[in-house]
Amino acid sequence: MAVSIRLRREGALNRPYYKIVVADSRSPRDGKFIEIIGIYDPKKPSHNSTIKLDRAEYWINKGAQPSDTVRSLIKKNKKQGESAPAMPAAGATPSEAPAETPQS
């Protein structure tokens, strides 16, 4: 079975929204798929895709062929993942919270 990683179109007319799926290459574009590994919204201005990179790598290592668009989305998400600074845990910095002063 030849497996591909490609876009599955959803959304309304003139408002496309895609899910990144792993599917048999013989199945139709919006047909049966194996796994959903991400989303892509081309109408959104900046960061418009989310991909489970570990699952994408898993399927690529198993022989799945990503489409050209999916390949570029994976590349962009890897780049954003490396350049994004680590977010501090919630509540880890109590000094940022406004100090409560007793009212006299």
PDB file of N, CA and C in Angstrom:
ATOM      1  N   MET A   1       0.851  -1.180   0.000  1.00  0.00           N
ATOM      2  CA  MET A   1       0.000   0.000   0.000  1.00  0.00           C
ATOM      3  C   MET A   1       0.893   1.239   0.000  1.00  0.00           C
ATOM      4  N   ALA A   2       0.726   2.089  -1.014  1.00  0.00           N
ATOM      5  CA  ALA A   2       1.477   3.336  -1.096  1.00  0.00           C
ATOM      6  C   ALA A   2       0.769   4.386  -0.244  1.00  0.00           C
ATOM      7  N   VAL A   3       1.491   4.910   0.733  1.00  0.00           N
ATOM      8  CA  VAL A   3       0.911   5.865   1.672  1.00  0.00           C
ATOM      9  C   VAL A   3       1.439   7.259   1.363  1.00  0.00           C
ATOM     10  N   SER A   4       0.556   8.250   1.437  1.00  0.00           N
ATOM     11  CA  SER A   4       0.969   9.636   1.223  1.00  0.00           C
ATOM     12  C   SER A   4       0.447  10.507   2.350  1.00  0.00           C
ATOM     13  N   ILE A   5       1.135  11.611   2.579  1.00  0.00           N
ATOM     14  CA  ILE A   5       0.697  12.623   3.546  1.00  0.00           C
ATOM     15  C   ILE A   5       0.241  13.805   2.709  1.00  0.00           C
ATOM     16  N   ARG A   6      -1.025  14.146   2.811  1.00  0.00           N
ATOM     17  CA  ARG A   6      -1.579  15.178   1.941  1.00  0.00           C
ATOM     18  C   ARG A   6      -2.677  15.962   2.643  1.00  0.00           C
ATOM     19  N   LEU A   7      -3.212  16.951   1.919  1.00  0.00           N
ATOM     20  CA  LEU A   7      -4.254  17.812   2.460  1.00  0.00           C
ATOM     21  C   LEU A   7      -5.629  17.254   2.134  1.00  0.00           C
ATOM     22  N   ARG A   8      -6.531  17.360   3.093  1.00  0.00           N
ATOM     23  CA  ARG A   8      -7.928  16.977   2.906  1.00  0.00           C
ATOM     24  C   ARG A   8      -8.753  18.246   3.068  1.00  0.00           C
ATOM     25  N   ARG A   9      -9.481  18.650   2.026  1.00  0.00           N
ATOM     26  CA  ARG A   9     -10.194  19.925   2.057  1.00  0.00           C
ATOM     27  C   ARG A   9     -11.478  19.825   2.858  1.00  0.00           C
ATOM     28  N   GLU A  10     -11.662  20.837   3.688  1.00  0.00           N
ATOM     29  CA  GLU A  10     -12.902  20.999   4.436  1.00  0.00           C
ATOM     30  C   GLU A  10     -13.248  22.474   4.395  1.00  0.00           C
ATOM     31  N   GLY A  11     -14.311  22.857   5.039  1.00  0.00           N
ATOM     32  CA  GLY A  11     -14.702  24.257   5.068  1.00  0.00           C
ATOM     33  C   GLY A  11     -15.766  24.558   4.036  1.00  0.00           C
ATOM     34  N   ALA A  12     -16.176  25.801   3.990  1.00  0.00           N
ATOM     35  CA  ALA A  12     -17.260  26.238   3.118  1.00  0.00           C
ATOM     36  C   ALA A  12     -16.718  26.742   1.787  1.00  0.00           C
ATOM     37  N   LEU A  13     -17.632  27.094   0.908  1.00  0.00           N
ATOM     38  CA  LEU A  13     -17.274  27.657  -0.382  1.00  0.00           C
ATOM     39  C   LEU A  13     -16.492  28.955  -0.172  1.00  0.00           C
ATOM     40  N   ASN A  14     -15.383  29.096  -0.846  1.00  0.00           N
ATOM     41  CA  ASN A  14     -14.481  30.250  -0.736  1.00  0.00           C
ATOM     42  C   ASN A  14     -13.904  30.432   0.667  1.00  0.00           C
ATOM     43  N   ARG A  15     -13.974  29.429   1.485  1.00  0.00           N
ATOM     44  CA  ARG A  15     -13.390  29.482   2.831  1.00  0.00           C
ATOM     45  C   ARG A  15     -12.723  28.131   3.105  1.00  0.00           C
ATOM     46  N   PRO A  16     -11.629  27.845   2.379  1.00  0.00           N
ATOM     47  CA  PRO A  16     -10.999  26.536   2.526  1.00  0.00           C
ATOM     48  C   PRO A  16     -10.319  26.359   3.875  1.00  0.00           C
ATOM     49  N   TYR A  17     -10.322  25.141   4.324  1.00  0.00           N
ATOM     50  CA  TYR A  17      -9.690  24.743   5.568  1.00  0.00           C
ATOM     51  C   TYR A  17      -9.238  23.307   5.336  1.00  0.00           C
ATOM     52  N   TYR A  18      -7.996  23.002   5.647  1.00  0.00           N
ATOM     53  CA  TYR A  18      -7.473  21.686   5.323  1.00  0.00           C
ATOM     54  C   TYR A  18      -7.036  20.938   6.569  1.00  0.00           C
ATOM     55  N   LYS A  19      -7.200  19.624   6.528  1.00  0.00           N
ATOM     56  CA  LYS A  19      -6.626  18.747   7.532  1.00  0.00           C
ATOM     57  C   LYS A  19      -5.498  17.995   6.852  1.00  0.00           C
ATOM     58  N   ILE A  20      -4.381  17.852   7.552  1.00  0.00           N
ATOM     59  CA  ILE A  20      -3.243  17.120   7.016  1.00  0.00           C
ATOM     60  C   ILE A  20      -3.430  15.671   7.441  1.00  0.00           C
ATOM     61  N   VAL A  21      -3.567  14.793   6.453  1.00  0.00           N
ATOM     62  CA  VAL A  21      -3.888  13.395   6.736  1.00  0.00           C
ATOM     63  C   VAL A  21      -2.863  12.458   6.117  1.00  0.00           C
ATOM     64  N   VAL A  22      -2.761  11.283   6.723  1.00  0.00           N
ATOM     65  CA  VAL A  22      -2.004  10.184   6.153  1.00  0.00           C
ATOM     66  C   VAL A  22      -3.050   9.285   5.493  1.00  0.00           C
ATOM     67  N   ALA A  23      -2.893   9.018   4.193  1.00  0.00           N
ATOM     68  CA  ALA A  23      -3.902   8.257   3.461  1.00  0.00           C
ATOM     69  C   ALA A  23      -3.248   7.377   2.417  1.00  0.00           C
ATOM     70  N   ASP A  24      -3.968   6.346   2.023  1.00  0.00           N
ATOM     71  CA  ASP A  24      -3.556   5.522   0.902  1.00  0.00           C
ATOM     72  C   ASP A  24      -3.600   6.410  -0.339  1.00  0.00           C
ATOM     73  N   SER A  25      -2.576   6.359  -1.162  1.00  0.00           N
ATOM     74  CA  SER A  25      -2.513   7.261  -2.310  1.00  0.00           C
ATOM     75  C   SER A  25      -3.599   6.980  -3.339  1.00  0.00           C
ATOM     76  N   ARG A  26      -4.234   5.813  -3.275  1.00  0.00           N
ATOM     77  CA  ARG A  26      -5.297   5.477  -4.222  1.00  0.00           C
ATOM     78  C   ARG A  26      -6.657   6.026  -3.799  1.00  0.00           C
ATOM     79  N   SER A  27      -6.808   6.432  -2.547  1.00  0.00           N
ATOM     80  CA  SER A  27      -8.097   6.943  -2.082  1.00  0.00           C
ATOM     81  C   SER A  27      -8.295   8.379  -2.565  1.00  0.00           C
ATOM     82  N   PRO A  28      -9.557   8.815  -2.725  1.00  0.00           N
ATOM     83  CA  PRO A  28      -9.802  10.177  -3.204  1.00  0.00           C
ATOM     84  C   PRO A  28      -9.366  11.239  -2.193  1.00  0.00           C
ATOM     85  N   ARG A  29      -9.277  12.475  -2.665  1.00  0.00           N
ATOM     86  CA  ARG A  29      -8.775  13.584  -1.841  1.00  0.00           C
ATOM     87  C   ARG A  29      -9.487  13.708  -0.509  1.00  0.00           C
ATOM     88  N   ASP A  30     -10.803  13.646  -0.517  1.00  0.00           N
ATOM     89  CA  ASP A  30     -11.571  13.799   0.715  1.00  0.00           C
ATOM     90  C   ASP A  30     -12.115  12.465   1.209  1.00  0.00           C
ATOM     91  N   GLY A  31     -11.517  11.375   0.753  1.00  0.00           N
ATOM     92  CA  GLY A  31     -11.996  10.044   1.115  1.00  0.00           C
ATOM     93  C   GLY A  31     -11.378   9.507   2.388  1.00  0.00           C
ATOM     94  N   LYS A  32     -11.303   8.179   2.430  1.00  0.00           N
ATOM     95  CA  LYS A  32     -10.825   7.478   3.615  1.00  0.00           C
ATOM     96  C   LYS A  32      -9.365   7.817   3.890  1.00  0.00           C
ATOM     97  N   PHE A  33      -9.020   7.921   5.168  1.00  0.00           N
ATOM     98  CA  PHE A  33      -7.651   8.221   5.562  1.00  0.00           C
ATOM     99  C   PHE A  33      -7.262   7.350   6.745  1.00  0.00           C
ATOM    100  N   ILE A  34      -5.970   7.329   7.036  1.00  0.00           N
ATOM    101  CA  ILE A  34      -5.449   6.511   8.128  1.00  0.00           C
ATOM    102  C   ILE A  34      -5.394   7.306   9.427  1.00  0.00           C
ATOM    103  N   GLU A  35      -4.854   8.529   9.349  1.00  0.00           N
ATOM    104  CA  GLU A  35      -4.656   9.336  10.558  1.00  0.00           C
ATOM    105  C   GLU A  35      -4.627  10.817  10.209  1.00  0.00           C
ATOM    106  N   ILE A  36      -5.185  11.643  11.077  1.00  0.00           N
ATOM    107  CA  ILE A  36      -5.090  13.106  10.951  1.00  0.00           C
ATOM    108  C   ILE A  36      -3.879  13.538  11.772  1.00  0.00           C
ATOM    109  N   ILE A  37      -2.940  14.230  11.128  1.00  0.00           N
ATOM    110  CA  ILE A  37      -1.734  14.653  11.860  1.00  0.00           C
ATOM    111  C   ILE A  37      -1.596  16.163  11.958  1.00  0.00           C
ATOM    112  N   GLY A  38      -2.549  16.924  11.422  1.00  0.00           N
ATOM    113  CA  GLY A  38      -2.437  18.366  11.553  1.00  0.00           C
ATOM    114  C   GLY A  38      -3.551  19.103  10.847  1.00  0.00           C
ATOM    115  N   ILE A  39      -3.460  20.445  10.922  1.00  0.00           N
ATOM    116  CA  ILE A  39      -4.425  21.322  10.268  1.00  0.00           C
ATOM    117  C   ILE A  39      -3.683  22.427   9.530  1.00  0.00           C
ATOM    118  N   TYR A  40      -4.346  23.002   8.529  1.00  0.00           N
ATOM    119  CA  TYR A  40      -3.773  24.095   7.749  1.00  0.00           C
ATOM    120  C   TYR A  40      -4.908  25.016   7.326  1.00  0.00           C
ATOM    121  N   ASP A  41      -4.799  26.295   7.700  1.00  0.00           N
ATOM    122  CA  ASP A  41      -5.798  27.296   7.335  1.00  0.00           C
ATOM    123  C   ASP A  41      -5.110  28.356   6.473  1.00  0.00           C
ATOM    124  N   PRO A  42      -5.237  28.281   5.141  1.00  0.00           N
ATOM    125  CA  PRO A  42      -4.517  29.211   4.277  1.00  0.00           C
ATOM    126  C   PRO A  42      -5.007  30.652   4.363  1.00  0.00           C
ATOM    127  N   LYS A  43      -6.196  30.888   4.885  1.00  0.00           N
ATOM    128  CA  LYS A  43      -6.727  32.250   4.991  1.00  0.00           C
ATOM    129  C   LYS A  43      -6.217  32.983   6.225  1.00  0.00           C
ATOM    130  N   LYS A  44      -5.653  32.260   7.166  1.00  0.00           N
ATOM    131  CA  LYS A  44      -5.136  32.866   8.393  1.00  0.00           C
ATOM    132  C   LYS A  44      -3.813  33.560   8.075  1.00  0.00           C
ATOM    133  N   PRO A  45      -3.572  34.764   8.591  1.00  0.00           N
ATOM    134  CA  PRO A  45      -2.407  35.543   8.160  1.00  0.00           C
ATOM    135  C   PRO A  45      -1.032  34.967   8.501  1.00  0.00           C
ATOM    136  N   SER A  46      -0.727  34.686   9.744  1.00  0.00           N
ATOM    137  CA  SER A  46       0.660  34.322  10.058  1.00  0.00           C
ATOM    138  C   SER A  46       0.810  32.820  10.293  1.00  0.00           C
ATOM    139  N   HIS A  47       0.885  32.408  11.521  1.00  0.00           N
ATOM    140  CA  HIS A  47       1.073  30.990  11.854  1.00  0.00           C
ATOM    141  C   HIS A  47      -0.231  30.254  11.562  1.00  0.00           C
ATOM    142  N   ASN A  48      -0.300  29.610  10.383  1.00  0.00           N
ATOM    143  CA  ASN A  48      -1.573  29.069   9.928  1.00  0.00           C
ATOM    144  C   ASN A  48      -1.619  27.554   9.857  1.00  0.00           C
ATOM    145  N   SER A  49      -0.648  26.873  10.452  1.00  0.00           N
ATOM    146  CA  SER A  49      -0.692  25.412  10.415  1.00  0.00           C
ATOM    147  C   SER A  49      -0.164  24.832  11.721  1.00  0.00           C
ATOM    148  N   THR A  50      -0.694  23.673  12.054  1.00  0.00           N
ATOM    149  CA  THR A  50      -0.261  22.929  13.226  1.00  0.00           C
ATOM    150  C   THR A  50      -0.086  21.484  12.792  1.00  0.00           C
ATOM    151  N   ILE A  51       1.082  20.935  13.052  1.00  0.00           N
ATOM    152  CA  ILE A  51       1.373  19.563  12.646  1.00  0.00           C
ATOM    153  C   ILE A  51       1.992  18.812  13.812  1.00  0.00           C
ATOM    154  N   LYS A  52       1.577  17.576  13.997  1.00  0.00           N
ATOM    155  CA  LYS A  52       2.237  16.694  14.957  1.00  0.00           C
ATOM    156  C   LYS A  52       3.502  16.188  14.272  1.00  0.00           C
ATOM    157  N   LEU A  53       4.620  16.866  14.529  1.00  0.00           N
ATOM    158  CA  LEU A  53       5.854  16.558  13.823  1.00  0.00           C
ATOM    159  C   LEU A  53       6.349  15.143  14.114  1.00  0.00           C
ATOM    160  N   ASP A  54       6.124  14.657  15.331  1.00  0.00           N
ATOM    161  CA  ASP A  54       6.576  13.300  15.652  1.00  0.00           C
ATOM    162  C   ASP A  54       5.831  12.266  14.803  1.00  0.00           C
ATOM    163  N   ARG A  55       4.531  12.465  14.593  1.00  0.00           N
ATOM    164  CA  ARG A  55       3.756  11.536  13.764  1.00  0.00           C
ATOM    165  C   ARG A  55       4.132  11.671  12.290  1.00  0.00           C
ATOM    166  N   ALA A  56       4.406  12.889  11.845  1.00  0.00           N
ATOM    167  CA  ALA A  56       4.823  13.089  10.453  1.00  0.00           C
ATOM    168  C   ALA A  56       6.148  12.359  10.203  1.00  0.00           C
ATOM    169  N   GLU A  57       7.093  12.508  11.127  1.00  0.00           N
ATOM    170  CA  GLU A  57       8.385  11.820  10.989  1.00  0.00           C
ATOM    171  C   GLU A  57       8.203  10.303  11.019  1.00  0.00           C
ATOM    172  N   TYR A  58       7.316   9.835  11.879  1.00  0.00           N
ATOM    173  CA  TYR A  58       7.048   8.403  11.963  1.00  0.00           C
ATOM    174  C   TYR A  58       6.578   7.870  10.607  1.00  0.00           C
ATOM    175  N   TRP A  59       5.609   8.549   9.993  1.00  0.00           N
ATOM    176  CA  TRP A  59       5.069   8.079   8.726  1.00  0.00           C
ATOM    177  C   TRP A  59       6.073   8.228   7.595  1.00  0.00           C
ATOM    178  N   ILE A  60       6.864   9.278   7.606  1.00  0.00           N
ATOM    179  CA  ILE A  60       7.886   9.447   6.570  1.00  0.00           C
ATOM    180  C   ILE A  60       8.930   8.334   6.688  1.00  0.00           C
ATOM    181  N   ASN A  61       9.292   7.980   7.932  1.00  0.00           N
ATOM    182  CA  ASN A  61      10.239   6.880   8.133  1.00  0.00           C
ATOM    183  C   ASN A  61       9.646   5.543   7.686  1.00  0.00           C
ATOM    184  N   LYS A  62       8.330   5.410   7.745  1.00  0.00           N
ATOM    185  CA  LYS A  62       7.658   4.187   7.287  1.00  0.00           C
ATOM    186  C   LYS A  62       7.509   4.156   5.761  1.00  0.00           C
ATOM    187  N   GLY A  63       7.850   5.263   5.086  1.00  0.00           N
ATOM    188  CA  GLY A  63       7.791   5.281   3.619  1.00  0.00           C
ATOM    189  C   GLY A  63       6.716   6.159   3.033  1.00  0.00           C
ATOM    190  N   ALA A  64       5.976   6.900   3.847  1.00  0.00           N
ATOM    191  CA  ALA A  64       4.936   7.787   3.327  1.00  0.00           C
ATOM    192  C   ALA A  64       5.576   8.951   2.575  1.00  0.00           C
ATOM    193  N   GLN A  65       4.962   9.335   1.473  1.00  0.00           N
ATOM    194  CA  GLN A  65       5.462  10.433   0.659  1.00  0.00           C
ATOM    195  C   GLN A  65       4.616  11.680   0.895  1.00  0.00           C
ATOM    196  N   PRO A  66       5.193  12.753   1.485  1.00  0.00           N
ATOM    197  CA  PRO A  66       4.403  13.982   1.664  1.00  0.00           C
ATOM    198  C   PRO A  66       4.238  14.720   0.342  1.00  0.00           C
ATOM    199  N   SER A  67       3.091  15.375   0.178  1.00  0.00           N
ATOM    200  CA  SER A  67       2.881  16.203  -1.014  1.00  0.00           C
ATOM    201  C   SER A  67       3.787  17.430  -0.906  1.00  0.00           C
ATOM    202  N   ASP A  68       3.921  18.170  -1.982  1.00  0.00           N
ATOM    203  CA  ASP A  68       4.796  19.346  -1.991  1.00  0.00           C
ATOM    204  C   ASP A  68       4.365  20.355  -0.931  1.00  0.00           C
ATOM    205  N   THR A  69       3.060  20.613  -0.840  1.00  0.00           N
ATOM    206  CA  THR A  69       2.552  21.581   0.128  1.00  0.00           C
ATOM    207  C   THR A  69       2.795  21.099   1.553  1.00  0.00           C
ATOM    208  N   VAL A  70       2.525  19.844   1.809  1.00  0.00           N
ATOM    209  CA  VAL A  70       2.730  19.299   3.156  1.00  0.00           C
ATOM    210  C   VAL A  70       4.207  19.322   3.513  1.00  0.00           C
ATOM    211  N   ARG A  71       5.066  19.026   2.552  1.00  0.00           N
ATOM    212  CA  ARG A  71       6.513  19.061   2.806  1.00  0.00           C
ATOM    213  C   ARG A  71       6.944  20.462   3.238  1.00  0.00           C
ATOM    214  N   SER A  72       6.416  21.493   2.562  1.00  0.00           N
ATOM    215  CA  SER A  72       6.789  22.864   2.937  1.00  0.00           C
ATOM    216  C   SER A  72       6.197  23.247   4.296  1.00  0.00           C
ATOM    217  N   LEU A  73       4.992  22.755   4.613  1.00  0.00           N
ATOM    218  CA  LEU A  73       4.392  23.041   5.926  1.00  0.00           C
ATOM    219  C   LEU A  73       5.193  22.384   7.046  1.00  0.00           C
ATOM    220  N   ILE A  74       5.649  21.170   6.823  1.00  0.00           N
ATOM    221  CA  ILE A  74       6.474  20.481   7.830  1.00  0.00           C
ATOM    222  C   ILE A  74       7.764  21.262   8.045  1.00  0.00           C
ATOM    223  N   LYS A  75       8.357  21.706   6.953  1.00  0.00           N
ATOM    224  CA  LYS A  75       9.605  22.486   7.040  1.00  0.00           C
ATOM    225  C   LYS A  75       9.391  23.777   7.837  1.00  0.00           C
ATOM    226  N   LYS A  76       8.281  24.489   7.573  1.00  0.00           N
ATOM    227  CA  LYS A  76       7.985  25.734   8.295  1.00  0.00           C
ATOM    228  C   LYS A  76       7.740  25.469   9.776  1.00  0.00           C
ATOM    229  N   ASN A  77       7.008  24.402  10.091  1.00  0.00           N
ATOM    230  CA  ASN A  77       6.716  24.088  11.486  1.00  0.00           C
ATOM    231  C   ASN A  77       7.972  23.679  12.242  1.00  0.00           C
ATOM    232  N   LYS A  78       8.879  22.977  11.582  1.00  0.00           N
ATOM    233  CA  LYS A  78      10.149  22.628  12.230  1.00  0.00           C
ATOM    234  C   LYS A  78      10.951  23.882  12.536  1.00  0.00           C
ATOM    235  N   LYS A  79      10.971  24.813  11.572  1.00  0.00           N
ATOM    236  CA  LYS A  79      11.716  26.059  11.756  1.00  0.00           C
ATOM    237  C   LYS A  79      11.116  26.882  12.897  1.00  0.00           C
ATOM    238  N   GLN A  80       9.779  26.969  12.967  1.00  0.00           N
ATOM    239  CA  GLN A  80       9.127  27.728  14.031  1.00  0.00           C
ATOM    240  C   GLN A  80       9.335  27.065  15.379  1.00  0.00           C
ATOM    241  N   GLY A  81       9.391  25.749  15.409  1.00  0.00           N
ATOM    242  CA  GLY A  81       9.609  25.023  16.660  1.00  0.00           C
ATOM    243  C   GLY A  81      10.995  25.261  17.220  1.00  0.00           C
ATOM    244  N   GLU A  82      11.987  25.382  16.330  1.00  0.00           N
ATOM    245  CA  GLU A  82      13.361  25.618  16.779  1.00  0.00           C
ATOM    246  C   GLU A  82      13.577  27.055  17.223  1.00  0.00           C
ATOM    247  N   SER A  83      12.946  28.013  16.523  1.00  0.00           N
ATOM    248  CA  SER A  83      13.194  29.420  16.814  1.00  0.00           C
ATOM    249  C   SER A  83      12.328  29.969  17.935  1.00  0.00           C
ATOM    250  N   ALA A  84      11.243  29.264  18.287  1.00  0.00           N
ATOM    251  CA  ALA A  84      10.356  29.754  19.342  1.00  0.00           C
ATOM    252  C   ALA A  84      11.029  29.583  20.707  1.00  0.00           C
ATOM    253  N   PRO A  85      11.040  30.627  21.525  1.00  0.00           N
ATOM    254  CA  PRO A  85      11.622  30.492  22.856  1.00  0.00           C
ATOM    255  C   PRO A  85      10.737  29.629  23.741  1.00  0.00           C
ATOM    256  N   ALA A  86      11.342  28.986  24.690  1.00  0.00           N
ATOM    257  CA  ALA A  86      10.586  28.128  25.602  1.00  0.00           C
ATOM    258  C   ALA A  86       9.673  28.993  26.461  1.00  0.00           C
ATOM    259  N   MET A  87       8.428  28.606  26.562  1.00  0.00           N
ATOM    260  CA  MET A  87       7.451  29.349  27.349  1.00  0.00           C
ATOM    261  C   MET A  87       7.582  28.936  28.806  1.00  0.00           C
ATOM    262  N   PRO A  88       7.604  29.899  29.739  1.00  0.00           N
ATOM    263  CA  PRO A  88       7.654  29.523  31.156  1.00  0.00           C
ATOM    264  C   PRO A  88       6.335  28.894  31.579  1.00  0.00           C
ATOM    265  N   ALA A  89       6.413  28.014  32.549  1.00  0.00           N
ATOM    266  CA  ALA A  89       5.204  27.348  33.038  1.00  0.00           C
ATOM    267  C   ALA A  89       4.295  28.365  33.718  1.00  0.00           C
ATOM    268  N   ALA A  90       3.007  28.123  33.654  1.00  0.00           N
ATOM    269  CA  ALA A  90       2.046  29.036  34.278  1.00  0.00           C
ATOM    270  C   ALA A  90       2.260  29.063  35.780  1.00  0.00           C
ATOM    271  N   GLY A  91       2.358  30.216  36.327  1.00  0.00           N
ATOM    272  CA  GLY A  91       2.562  30.347  37.769  1.00  0.00           C
ATOM    273  C   GLY A  91       4.027  30.242  38.169  1.00  0.00           C
ATOM    274  N   ALA A  92       4.931  30.103  37.201  1.00  0.00           N
ATOM    275  CA  ALA A  92       6.345  29.950  37.528  1.00  0.00           C
ATOM    276  C   ALA A  92       6.986  31.283  37.897  1.00  0.00           C
ATOM    277  N   THR A  93       6.395  32.381  37.457  1.00  0.00           N
ATOM    278  CA  THR A  93       6.963  33.693  37.742  1.00  0.00           C
ATOM    279  C   THR A  93       5.959  34.527  38.537  1.00  0.00           C
ATOM    280  N   PRO A  94       5.956  34.388  39.846  1.00  0.00           N
ATOM    281  CA  PRO A  94       4.999  35.170  40.634  1.00  0.00           C
ATOM    282  C   PRO A  94       5.337  36.656  40.676  1.00  0.00           C
ATOM    283  N   SER A  95       6.563  37.035  40.285  1.00  0.00           N
ATOM    284  CA  SER A  95       6.933  38.441  40.329  1.00  0.00           C
ATOM    285  C   SER A  95       6.197  39.255  39.271  1.00  0.00           C
ATOM    286  N   GLU A  96       5.686  38.607  38.219  1.00  0.00           N
ATOM    287  CA  GLU A  96       4.955  39.321  37.177  1.00  0.00           C
ATOM    288  C   GLU A  96       3.527  39.671  37.599  1.00  0.00           C
ATOM    289  N   ALA A  97       2.996  38.965  38.581  1.00  0.00           N
ATOM    290  CA  ALA A  97       1.636  39.244  39.045  1.00  0.00           C
ATOM    291  C   ALA A  97       1.626  40.579  39.797  1.00  0.00           C
ATOM    292  N   PRO A  98       0.555  41.353  39.654  1.00  0.00           N
ATOM    293  CA  PRO A  98       0.512  42.632  40.363  1.00  0.00           C
ATOM    294  C   PRO A  98       0.484  42.397  41.880  1.00  0.00           C
ATOM    295  N   ALA A  99       1.310  43.133  42.557  1.00  0.00           N
ATOM    296  CA  ALA A  99       1.412  42.992  44.004  1.00  0.00           C
ATOM    297  C   ALA A  99       0.169  43.583  44.667  1.00  0.00           C
ATOM    298  N   GLU A 100      -0.380  42.852  45.600  1.00  0.00           N
ATOM    299  CA  GLU A 100      -1.552  43.352  46.330  1.00  0.00           C
ATOM    300  C   GLU A 100      -1.077  44.179  47.521  1.00  0.00           C
ATOM    301  N   THR A 101      -1.542  45.401  47.581  1.00  0.00           N
ATOM    302  CA  THR A 101      -1.177  46.267  48.703  1.00  0.00           C
ATOM    303  C   THR A 101      -2.408  46.464  49.576  1.00  0.00           C
ATOM    304  N   PRO A 102      -2.216  46.373  50.873  1.00  0.00           N
ATOM    305  CA  PRO A 102      -3.366  46.561  51.777  1.00  0.00           C
ATOM    306  C   PRO A 102      -3.875  47.997  51.692  1.00  0.00           C
ATOM    307  N   GLN A 103      -5.157  48.152  51.612  1.00  0.00           N
ATOM    308  CA  GLN A 103      -5.795  49.472  51.572  1.00  0.00           C
ATOM    309  C   GLN A 103      -6.056  49.947  52.997  1.00  0.00           C
ATOM    310  N   SER A 104      -5.674  51.186  53.321  1.00  0.00           N
ATOM    311  CA  SER A 104      -5.888  51.709  54.675  1.00  0.00           C
ATOM    312  C   SER A 104      -7.141  52.514  54.749  1.00  0.00           C
TER     313      SER A 104
END
